[in-house]
PDB file of N, CA and C in Angstrom:
ATOM      1  N   UNK A   1      -5.449  16.014   2.558  1.00  0.00           N
ATOM      2  CA  UNK A   1      -6.178  14.977   3.068  1.00  0.00           C
ATOM      3  C   UNK A   1      -5.732  13.825   1.898  1.00  0.00           C
ATOM      4  N   UNK A   2      -5.435  14.281   0.808  1.00  0.00           N
ATOM      5  CA  UNK A   2      -5.526  13.446  -0.338  1.00  0.00           C
ATOM      6  C   UNK A   2      -4.365  12.469  -0.236  1.00  0.00           C
ATOM      7  N   UNK A   3      -3.202  13.169   0.304  1.00  0.00           N
ATOM      8  CA  UNK A   3      -1.811  12.392   0.464  1.00  0.00           C
ATOM      9  C   UNK A   3      -2.118  11.584   1.612  1.00  0.00           C
ATOM     10  N   UNK A   4      -2.973  11.915   2.691  1.00  0.00           N
ATOM     11  CA  UNK A   4      -2.796  11.207   4.076  1.00  0.00           C
ATOM     12  C   UNK A   4      -3.651  10.063   3.900  1.00  0.00           C
ATOM     13  N   UNK A   5      -4.445  10.324   2.582  1.00  0.00           N
ATOM     14  CA  UNK A   5      -5.500   8.872   2.420  1.00  0.00           C
ATOM     15  C   UNK A   5      -4.765   7.912   1.283  1.00  0.00           C
ATOM     16  N   UNK A   6      -3.939   8.245   0.995  1.00  0.00           N
ATOM     17  CA  UNK A   6      -3.136   7.456  -0.061  1.00  0.00           C
ATOM     18  C   UNK A   6      -3.844   7.689  -1.541  1.00  0.00           C
ATOM     19  N   UNK A   7      -4.501   8.817  -1.611  1.00  0.00           N
ATOM     20  CA  UNK A   7      -5.351   8.602  -2.935  1.00  0.00           C
ATOM     21  C   UNK A   7      -3.934   9.322  -3.953  1.00  0.00           C
ATOM     22  N   UNK A   8      -3.264   9.869  -3.259  1.00  0.00           N
ATOM     23  CA  UNK A   8      -2.307  10.776  -3.919  1.00  0.00           C
ATOM     24  C   UNK A   8      -0.699  10.838  -2.903  1.00  0.00           C
ATOM     25  N   UNK A   9      -0.119   9.738  -3.473  1.00  0.00           N
ATOM     26  CA  UNK A   9       1.012   9.671  -2.989  1.00  0.00           C
ATOM     27  C   UNK A   9       2.084  10.770  -3.470  1.00  0.00           C
ATOM     28  N   UNK A  10       3.235  10.914  -2.557  1.00  0.00           N
ATOM     29  CA  UNK A  10       3.971  11.962  -3.162  1.00  0.00           C
ATOM     30  C   UNK A  10       5.691  10.985  -3.059  1.00  0.00           C
ATOM     31  N   UNK A  11       6.252  10.871  -4.162  1.00  0.00           N
ATOM     32  CA  UNK A  11       7.327  10.135  -4.594  1.00  0.00           C
ATOM     33  C   UNK A  11       8.164  10.846  -5.330  1.00  0.00           C
ATOM     34  N   UNK A  12       9.969  10.629  -5.222  1.00  0.00           N
ATOM     35  CA  UNK A  12      10.371  10.873  -6.285  1.00  0.00           C
ATOM     36  C   UNK A  12      11.138   9.543  -6.860  1.00  0.00           C
ATOM     37  N   UNK A  13      11.684   9.898  -8.475  1.00  0.00           N
ATOM     38  CA  UNK A  13      12.600   9.116  -8.916  1.00  0.00           C
ATOM     39  C   UNK A  13      13.842   9.364  -9.297  1.00  0.00           C
ATOM     40  N   UNK A  14      14.671   8.936  -9.128  1.00  0.00           N
ATOM     41  CA  UNK A  14      16.022   9.350  -9.338  1.00  0.00           C
ATOM     42  C   UNK A  14      16.993   8.310  -9.849  1.00  0.00           C
ATOM     43  N   UNK A  15      17.125   8.034 -11.054  1.00  0.00           N
ATOM     44  CA  UNK A  15      17.769   7.049 -11.761  1.00  0.00           C
ATOM     45  C   UNK A  15      19.039   6.899 -11.509  1.00  0.00           C
ATOM     46  N   UNK A  16      20.081   8.154 -11.317  1.00  0.00           N
ATOM     47  CA  UNK A  16      21.244   7.848 -10.697  1.00  0.00           C
ATOM     48  C   UNK A  16      21.167   7.217  -9.428  1.00  0.00           C
ATOM     49  N   UNK A  17      20.458   6.876  -8.607  1.00  0.00           N
ATOM     50  CA  UNK A  17      20.648   6.228  -7.421  1.00  0.00           C
ATOM     51  C   UNK A  17      20.753   4.637  -7.712  1.00  0.00           C
ATOM     52  N   UNK A  18      20.151   4.339  -8.643  1.00  0.00           N
ATOM     53  CA  UNK A  18      20.294   2.691  -8.949  1.00  0.00           C
ATOM     54  C   UNK A  18      21.948   2.626  -9.305  1.00  0.00           C
ATOM     55  N   UNK A  19      22.738   3.384  -9.915  1.00  0.00           N
ATOM     56  CA  UNK A  19      24.088   3.190 -10.224  1.00  0.00           C
ATOM     57  C   UNK A  19      24.562   3.046  -8.951  1.00  0.00           C
ATOM     58  N   UNK A  20      24.447   3.515  -7.690  1.00  0.00           N
ATOM     59  CA  UNK A  20      24.926   3.496  -6.395  1.00  0.00           C
ATOM     60  C   UNK A  20      24.429   2.327  -5.697  1.00  0.00           C
ATOM     61  N   UNK A  21      23.745   1.454  -6.164  1.00  0.00           N
ATOM     62  CA  UNK A  21      22.843   0.410  -6.020  1.00  0.00           C
ATOM     63  C   UNK A  21      21.990   0.815  -4.703  1.00  0.00           C
ATOM     64  N   UNK A  22      21.504   1.827  -4.789  1.00  0.00           N
ATOM     65  CA  UNK A  22      19.957   2.090  -3.957  1.00  0.00           C
ATOM     66  C   UNK A  22      18.941   2.053  -4.762  1.00  0.00           C
ATOM     67  N   UNK A  23      17.991   2.123  -4.784  1.00  0.00           N
ATOM     68  CA  UNK A  23      16.347   2.035  -5.103  1.00  0.00           C
ATOM     69  C   UNK A  23      16.349   3.381  -5.876  1.00  0.00           C
ATOM     70  N   UNK A  24      16.027   3.690  -7.020  1.00  0.00           N
ATOM     71  CA  UNK A  24      15.702   5.039  -7.649  1.00  0.00           C
ATOM     72  C   UNK A  24      14.578   5.696  -7.341  1.00  0.00           C
ATOM     73  N   UNK A  25      13.257   4.588  -6.900  1.00  0.00           N
ATOM     74  CA  UNK A  25      12.018   5.523  -6.433  1.00  0.00           C
ATOM     75  C   UNK A  25      12.367   5.805  -4.636  1.00  0.00           C
ATOM     76  N   UNK A  26      11.908   7.054  -4.432  1.00  0.00           N
ATOM     77  CA  UNK A  26      11.978   7.369  -3.254  1.00  0.00           C
ATOM     78  C   UNK A  26      10.292   7.368  -2.757  1.00  0.00           C
ATOM     79  N   UNK A  27       9.555   7.132  -1.957  1.00  0.00           N
ATOM     80  CA  UNK A  27       8.563   7.646  -1.153  1.00  0.00           C
ATOM     81  C   UNK A  27       8.757   8.648  -0.122  1.00  0.00           C
ATOM     82  N   UNK A  28       8.220   9.942  -0.548  1.00  0.00           N
ATOM     83  CA  UNK A  28       8.102  10.996   0.571  1.00  0.00           C
ATOM     84  C   UNK A  28       6.733  10.883   1.465  1.00  0.00           C
ATOM     85  N   UNK A  29       5.763  10.492   1.001  1.00  0.00           N
ATOM     86  CA  UNK A  29       4.653  10.260   1.883  1.00  0.00           C
ATOM     87  C   UNK A  29       4.652   9.172   2.738  1.00  0.00           C
ATOM     88  N   UNK A  30       3.847   9.148   3.946  1.00  0.00           N
ATOM     89  CA  UNK A  30       3.783   8.373   5.172  1.00  0.00           C
ATOM     90  C   UNK A  30       2.821   7.243   4.539  1.00  0.00           C
ATOM     91  N   UNK A  31       2.818   6.277   5.266  1.00  0.00           N
ATOM     92  CA  UNK A  31       1.791   5.190   5.155  1.00  0.00           C
ATOM     93  C   UNK A  31       0.324   6.101   5.440  1.00  0.00           C
ATOM     94  N   UNK A  32      -0.814   5.526   4.587  1.00  0.00           N
ATOM     95  CA  UNK A  32      -1.755   6.216   4.725  1.00  0.00           C
ATOM     96  C   UNK A  32      -2.708   5.877   6.312  1.00  0.00           C
ATOM     97  N   UNK A  33      -3.033   7.227   6.633  1.00  0.00           N
ATOM     98  CA  UNK A  33      -3.438   7.383   8.102  1.00  0.00           C
ATOM     99  C   UNK A  33      -4.811   7.252   8.196  1.00  0.00           C
ATOM    100  N   UNK A  34      -5.734   8.219   6.741  1.00  0.00           N
ATOM    101  CA  UNK A  34      -7.129   8.282   6.980  1.00  0.00           C
ATOM    102  C   UNK A  34      -7.750   7.557   6.003  1.00  0.00           C
ATOM    103  N   UNK A  35      -9.048   7.075   6.213  1.00  0.00           N
ATOM    104  CA  UNK A  35      -9.670   6.643   4.901  1.00  0.00           C
ATOM    105  C   UNK A  35      -9.808   7.482   3.693  1.00  0.00           C
ATOM    106  N   UNK A  36      -9.879   6.844   2.623  1.00  0.00           N
ATOM    107  CA  UNK A  36     -10.025   7.702   1.260  1.00  0.00           C
ATOM    108  C   UNK A  36     -11.408   8.391   1.328  1.00  0.00           C
ATOM    109  N   UNK A  37     -12.818   7.785   2.146  1.00  0.00           N
ATOM    110  CA  UNK A  37     -13.864   8.221   2.290  1.00  0.00           C
ATOM    111  C   UNK A  37     -13.982   9.476   3.084  1.00  0.00           C
ATOM    112  N   UNK A  38     -13.161   9.726   3.865  1.00  0.00           N
ATOM    113  CA  UNK A  38     -12.821  10.890   4.568  1.00  0.00           C
ATOM    114  C   UNK A  38     -12.623  12.190   3.548  1.00  0.00           C
ATOM    115  N   UNK A  39     -11.322  11.573   3.154  1.00  0.00           N
ATOM    116  CA  UNK A  39     -10.962  12.934   1.934  1.00  0.00           C
ATOM    117  C   UNK A  39     -11.897  13.169   0.910  1.00  0.00           C
ATOM    118  N   UNK A  40     -12.235  11.903   0.476  1.00  0.00           N
ATOM    119  CA  UNK A  40     -13.883  12.367  -0.885  1.00  0.00           C
ATOM    120  C   UNK A  40     -14.602  13.177   0.175  1.00  0.00           C
ATOM    121  N   UNK A  41     -15.359  12.995   0.977  1.00  0.00           N
ATOM    122  CA  UNK A  41     -16.090  13.628   1.281  1.00  0.00           C
ATOM    123  C   UNK A  41     -16.212  14.917   2.223  1.00  0.00           C
ATOM    124  N   UNK A  42     -14.850  15.454   1.992  1.00  0.00           N
ATOM    125  CA  UNK A  42     -14.314  16.514   2.473  1.00  0.00           C
ATOM    126  C   UNK A  42     -14.247  17.850   1.169  1.00  0.00           C
ATOM    127  N   UNK A  43     -14.360  17.048  -0.002  1.00  0.00           N
ATOM    128  CA  UNK A  43     -14.228  17.778  -1.098  1.00  0.00           C
ATOM    129  C   UNK A  43     -15.793  18.060  -1.794  1.00  0.00           C
ATOM    130  N   UNK A  44     -16.076  19.180  -2.157  1.00  0.00           N
ATOM    131  CA  UNK A  44     -17.603  19.597  -2.330  1.00  0.00           C
ATOM    132  C   UNK A  44     -18.059  18.486  -3.629  1.00  0.00           C
ATOM    133  N   UNK A  45     -16.920  18.363  -4.666  1.00  0.00           N
ATOM    134  CA  UNK A  45     -17.635  17.505  -5.788  1.00  0.00           C
ATOM    135  C   UNK A  45     -17.965  15.983  -5.616  1.00  0.00           C
ATOM    136  N   UNK A  46     -17.354  15.449  -4.209  1.00  0.00           N
ATOM    137  CA  UNK A  46     -17.597  14.004  -4.022  1.00  0.00           C
ATOM    138  C   UNK A  46     -18.730  14.022  -3.130  1.00  0.00           C
ATOM    139  N   UNK A  47     -19.214  15.234  -2.311  1.00  0.00           N
ATOM    140  CA  UNK A  47     -20.112  15.305  -1.331  1.00  0.00           C
ATOM    141  C   UNK A  47     -21.371  15.536  -2.639  1.00  0.00           C
ATOM    142  N   UNK A  48     -21.402  16.026  -3.646  1.00  0.00           N
ATOM    143  CA  UNK A  48     -22.376  15.991  -4.636  1.00  0.00           C
ATOM    144  C   UNK A  48     -23.025  14.711  -5.015  1.00  0.00           C
ATOM    145  N   UNK A  49     -21.922  13.952  -5.441  1.00  0.00           N
ATOM    146  CA  UNK A  49     -22.364  12.681  -6.095  1.00  0.00           C
ATOM    147  C   UNK A  49     -23.122  11.741  -4.726  1.00  0.00           C
ATOM    148  N   UNK A  50     -22.346  11.823  -3.879  1.00  0.00           N
ATOM    149  CA  UNK A  50     -23.232  11.262  -2.484  1.00  0.00           C
ATOM    150  C   UNK A  50     -24.348  11.799  -2.154  1.00  0.00           C
ATOM    151  N   UNK A  51     -24.875  12.892  -2.580  1.00  0.00           N
ATOM    152  CA  UNK A  51     -25.907  13.448  -2.293  1.00  0.00           C
ATOM    153  C   UNK A  51     -26.782  12.998  -3.442  1.00  0.00           C
ATOM    154  N   UNK A  52     -26.276  12.953  -4.376  1.00  0.00           N
ATOM    155  CA  UNK A  52     -27.332  12.464  -5.953  1.00  0.00           C
ATOM    156  C   UNK A  52     -27.337  11.017  -5.990  1.00  0.00           C
ATOM    157  N   UNK A  53     -26.734  10.460  -5.591  1.00  0.00           N
ATOM    158  CA  UNK A  53     -26.546   9.065  -5.475  1.00  0.00           C
ATOM    159  C   UNK A  53     -25.850   7.926  -4.602  1.00  0.00           C
ATOM    160  N   UNK A  54     -26.122   7.973  -3.428  1.00  0.00           N
ATOM    161  CA  UNK A  54     -25.986   7.583  -2.551  1.00  0.00           C
ATOM    162  C   UNK A  54     -25.210   6.381  -2.676  1.00  0.00           C
ATOM    163  N   UNK A  55     -25.696   5.452  -3.148  1.00  0.00           N
ATOM    164  CA  UNK A  55     -25.779   3.871  -3.188  1.00  0.00           C
ATOM    165  C   UNK A  55     -24.526   3.892  -3.958  1.00  0.00           C
ATOM    166  N   UNK A  56     -24.348   4.621  -5.257  1.00  0.00           N
ATOM    167  CA  UNK A  56     -23.534   4.728  -6.169  1.00  0.00           C
ATOM    168  C   UNK A  56     -22.024   5.269  -5.613  1.00  0.00           C
ATOM    169  N   UNK A  57     -22.213   6.192  -4.924  1.00  0.00           N
ATOM    170  CA  UNK A  57     -21.208   6.952  -4.306  1.00  0.00           C
ATOM    171  C   UNK A  57     -20.329   5.911  -3.257  1.00  0.00           C
ATOM    172  N   UNK A  58     -21.023   5.257  -2.442  1.00  0.00           N
ATOM    173  CA  UNK A  58     -20.723   4.377  -1.554  1.00  0.00           C
ATOM    174  C   UNK A  58     -19.485   2.957  -2.565  1.00  0.00           C
ATOM    175  N   UNK A  59     -20.234   2.540  -3.802  1.00  0.00           N
ATOM    176  CA  UNK A  59     -19.848   1.951  -4.435  1.00  0.00           C
ATOM    177  C   UNK A  59     -18.305   2.129  -4.680  1.00  0.00           C
ATOM    178  N   UNK A  60     -18.239   3.450  -5.026  1.00  0.00           N
ATOM    179  CA  UNK A  60     -16.881   4.101  -5.931  1.00  0.00           C
ATOM    180  C   UNK A  60     -16.248   4.573  -4.573  1.00  0.00           C
ATOM    181  N   UNK A  61     -16.497   4.626  -3.545  1.00  0.00           N
ATOM    182  CA  UNK A  61     -15.723   5.005  -2.326  1.00  0.00           C
ATOM    183  C   UNK A  61     -14.908   3.421  -2.077  1.00  0.00           C
ATOM    184  N   UNK A  62     -15.581   2.434  -1.826  1.00  0.00           N
ATOM    185  CA  UNK A  62     -15.114   1.222  -1.841  1.00  0.00           C
ATOM    186  C   UNK A  62     -13.949   0.744  -2.779  1.00  0.00           C
ATOM    187  N   UNK A  63     -14.223   1.105  -4.040  1.00  0.00           N
ATOM    188  CA  UNK A  63     -13.476   0.916  -4.996  1.00  0.00           C
ATOM    189  C   UNK A  63     -12.294   1.776  -5.261  1.00  0.00           C
ATOM    190  N   UNK A  64     -12.175   3.135  -4.703  1.00  0.00           N
ATOM    191  CA  UNK A  64     -11.086   3.704  -4.560  1.00  0.00           C
ATOM    192  C   UNK A  64     -10.310   3.355  -3.891  1.00  0.00           C
ATOM    193  N   UNK A  65     -10.971   3.179  -2.438  1.00  0.00           N
ATOM    194  CA  UNK A  65      -9.959   2.474  -1.302  1.00  0.00           C
ATOM    195  C   UNK A  65      -8.989   1.151  -1.622  1.00  0.00           C
ATOM    196  N   UNK A  66      -9.733   0.545  -2.400  1.00  0.00           N
ATOM    197  CA  UNK A  66      -9.147  -0.791  -2.770  1.00  0.00           C
ATOM    198  C   UNK A  66      -8.036  -0.648  -3.775  1.00  0.00           C
ATOM    199  N   UNK A  67      -8.349   0.450  -4.521  1.00  0.00           N
ATOM    200  CA  UNK A  67      -7.689   0.813  -5.562  1.00  0.00           C
ATOM    201  C   UNK A  67      -6.128   1.577  -4.949  1.00  0.00           C
ATOM    202  N   UNK A  68      -6.433   2.562  -4.204  1.00  0.00           N
ATOM    203  CA  UNK A  68      -5.554   3.144  -3.237  1.00  0.00           C
ATOM    204  C   UNK A  68      -4.368   2.333  -2.562  1.00  0.00           C
ATOM    205  N   UNK A  69      -5.102   1.255  -1.972  1.00  0.00           N
ATOM    206  CA  UNK A  69      -4.517   0.400  -1.095  1.00  0.00           C
ATOM    207  C   UNK A  69      -3.653  -0.427  -2.104  1.00  0.00           C
ATOM    208  N   UNK A  70      -3.937  -0.982  -3.151  1.00  0.00           N
ATOM    209  CA  UNK A  70      -2.968  -1.589  -4.288  1.00  0.00           C
ATOM    210  C   UNK A  70      -2.139  -0.879  -4.599  1.00  0.00           C
ATOM    211  N   UNK A  71      -2.238   0.453  -5.035  1.00  0.00           N
ATOM    212  CA  UNK A  71      -1.376   1.128  -5.485  1.00  0.00           C
ATOM    213  C   UNK A  71       0.085   1.746  -4.429  1.00  0.00           C
ATOM    214  N   UNK A  72      -0.523   1.964  -3.430  1.00  0.00           N
ATOM    215  CA  UNK A  72       0.531   1.913  -2.193  1.00  0.00           C
ATOM    216  C   UNK A  72       1.207   0.773  -2.033  1.00  0.00           C
ATOM    217  N   UNK A  73       0.726  -0.422  -2.169  1.00  0.00           N
ATOM    218  CA  UNK A  73       1.478  -1.466  -1.672  1.00  0.00           C
ATOM    219  C   UNK A  73       2.252  -1.620  -2.690  1.00  0.00           C
ATOM    220  N   UNK A  74       2.152  -1.133  -3.908  1.00  0.00           N
ATOM    221  CA  UNK A  74       2.835  -1.580  -5.003  1.00  0.00           C
ATOM    222  C   UNK A  74       3.832  -0.571  -5.125  1.00  0.00           C
ATOM    223  N   UNK A  75       3.711   0.918  -4.900  1.00  0.00           N
ATOM    224  CA  UNK A  75       4.776   1.686  -4.852  1.00  0.00           C
ATOM    225  C   UNK A  75       5.776   1.273  -3.431  1.00  0.00           C
ATOM    226  N   UNK A  76       5.379   0.707  -2.592  1.00  0.00           N
ATOM    227  CA  UNK A  76       6.274   0.145  -1.560  1.00  0.00           C
ATOM    228  C   UNK A  76       7.405  -0.915  -1.937  1.00  0.00           C
ATOM    229  N   UNK A  77       6.858  -1.775  -2.826  1.00  0.00           N
ATOM    230  CA  UNK A  77       7.219  -2.597  -3.468  1.00  0.00           C
ATOM    231  C   UNK A  77       8.585  -2.254  -4.301  1.00  0.00           C
ATOM    232  N   UNK A  78       8.082  -1.371  -4.736  1.00  0.00           N
ATOM    233  CA  UNK A  78       9.119  -0.812  -6.237  1.00  0.00           C
ATOM    234  C   UNK A  78       9.972   0.319  -5.076  1.00  0.00           C
ATOM    235  N   UNK A  79       9.836   0.561  -4.106  1.00  0.00           N
ATOM    236  CA  UNK A  79      10.822   1.468  -3.500  1.00  0.00           C
ATOM    237  C   UNK A  79      11.946   0.628  -2.837  1.00  0.00           C
ATOM    238  N   UNK A  80      11.191  -0.543  -2.349  1.00  0.00           N
ATOM    239  CA  UNK A  80      12.432  -1.393  -1.597  1.00  0.00           C
ATOM    240  C   UNK A  80      13.412  -2.384  -2.476  1.00  0.00           C
ATOM    241  N   UNK A  81      12.940  -2.125  -3.747  1.00  0.00           N
ATOM    242  CA  UNK A  81      13.724  -2.638  -4.984  1.00  0.00           C
ATOM    243  C   UNK A  81      15.106  -2.011  -5.158  1.00  0.00           C
ATOM    244  N   UNK A  82      16.251  -2.844  -4.786  1.00  0.00           N
ATOM    245  CA  UNK A  82      17.776  -2.457  -4.991  1.00  0.00           C
ATOM    246  C   UNK A  82      18.244  -3.228  -6.181  1.00  0.00           C
ATOM    247  N   UNK A  83      19.304  -2.468  -6.955  1.00  0.00           N
ATOM    248  CA  UNK A  83      20.261  -3.007  -8.166  1.00  0.00           C
ATOM    249  C   UNK A  83      21.488  -3.292  -7.225  1.00  0.00           C
TER     250      UNK A  83
END
């Protein structure tokens, strides 16, 4: 679920591809398909945070979703760059 939510994208970097005019960054993950909150609360460590401080857990979940979206967009841009 970490990969499906975009929290843990799978990618490869091969600098030799740049010499061939291809992008050296290859994203192996598909676009995120589940909200990061769904991944987080599937894990006991994050459920405990929600139980101890629900308001703070919600703030962190929103921030994590935002960061994952920004990072995913950046990786997609980087993978589209060719020499």
